[in-house]
Amino acid sequence: MKSTTKHWSVHILTLFPEMFPGPLNFSLVGKALKEKIWSLNLVNLRDFAENGPKSVDDKPYGGGPGMIIKSEVIDNALKKVTKKIKQYSLIYLTPKGKKINQKKIKELVKKDNLILLCGKYEGIDQRVIENWSMEELSIGDFVLSGGEIAAMSLLDSCIRLLPGVVGSSETLKHETFENNLLEYPQYTKPSNWKGRKVPDILLSGNHQKIEEWRKKKSFEITKLKRPDLFKK
């Protein structure tokens, strides 16, 4: 698993850098990290609080629960990260962002120097979002305690698409969400498990017929489970 291209660089701004690489240190993604197909630069936002690590946030203007990460903290961190980077893509992970799909993942993989900002508490000061023209993205219509897990999910999806990470490019072509279809059912040994048998066509050795069966099943499953995708 060796790449012929330069490694893909990721910079993560977070209050909890100890959470990384976490799950990203295992399986194909972890192996790719060790083989320098991609690199991880962790930036602790607490290091950029002007009055010490406990002053990273404050109460929101107008009242309300929770705390807001200060604009100056994020601004100082971004200035340091981008000082030696000519091109980068800056993303703030937030439930208010546009929902990520596979098409977006493919776009991000082509970017140099991906910067992910992980929010916490009630979020970050709106002014720093606007000042840095951040792209706001979400992994779904639900709320997490912070952006770290969202960042890991996004990175896992991206890294597996990098050249040299997944052994066969054919594997990626038949995955869920390719061509707006869900993946067909998969089976392995034994051929008979608790009276449930593998479809005969998969044991036939007729690759053309197998391919036709798989396409048919993808259409059926997508129409049943994700009619929104099927319409596309």
Foldseek 3Di string as FASTA:
>chain_A
DADPDAAAEEEEEDQCQVCPPPVCCDDLSVVCDVNRNYDYHYHNLLVQQPVGSVRQWAADPPDDDKIAGELSSVVRRVCVVCVPPDFEAAEEEDLPAAADDLVVLVVRLPGHYYYYYKAAIPYYDVVNCVVVVHHYYYNDNDDDRMCPVVVSVSVVSNSCPRPPRDDDPVVVCQDQCRLLWHWADDDDPDQADPNDGDPPVVVPPPVVVVVVVRVVRRLVCCVVPPVVSNVD
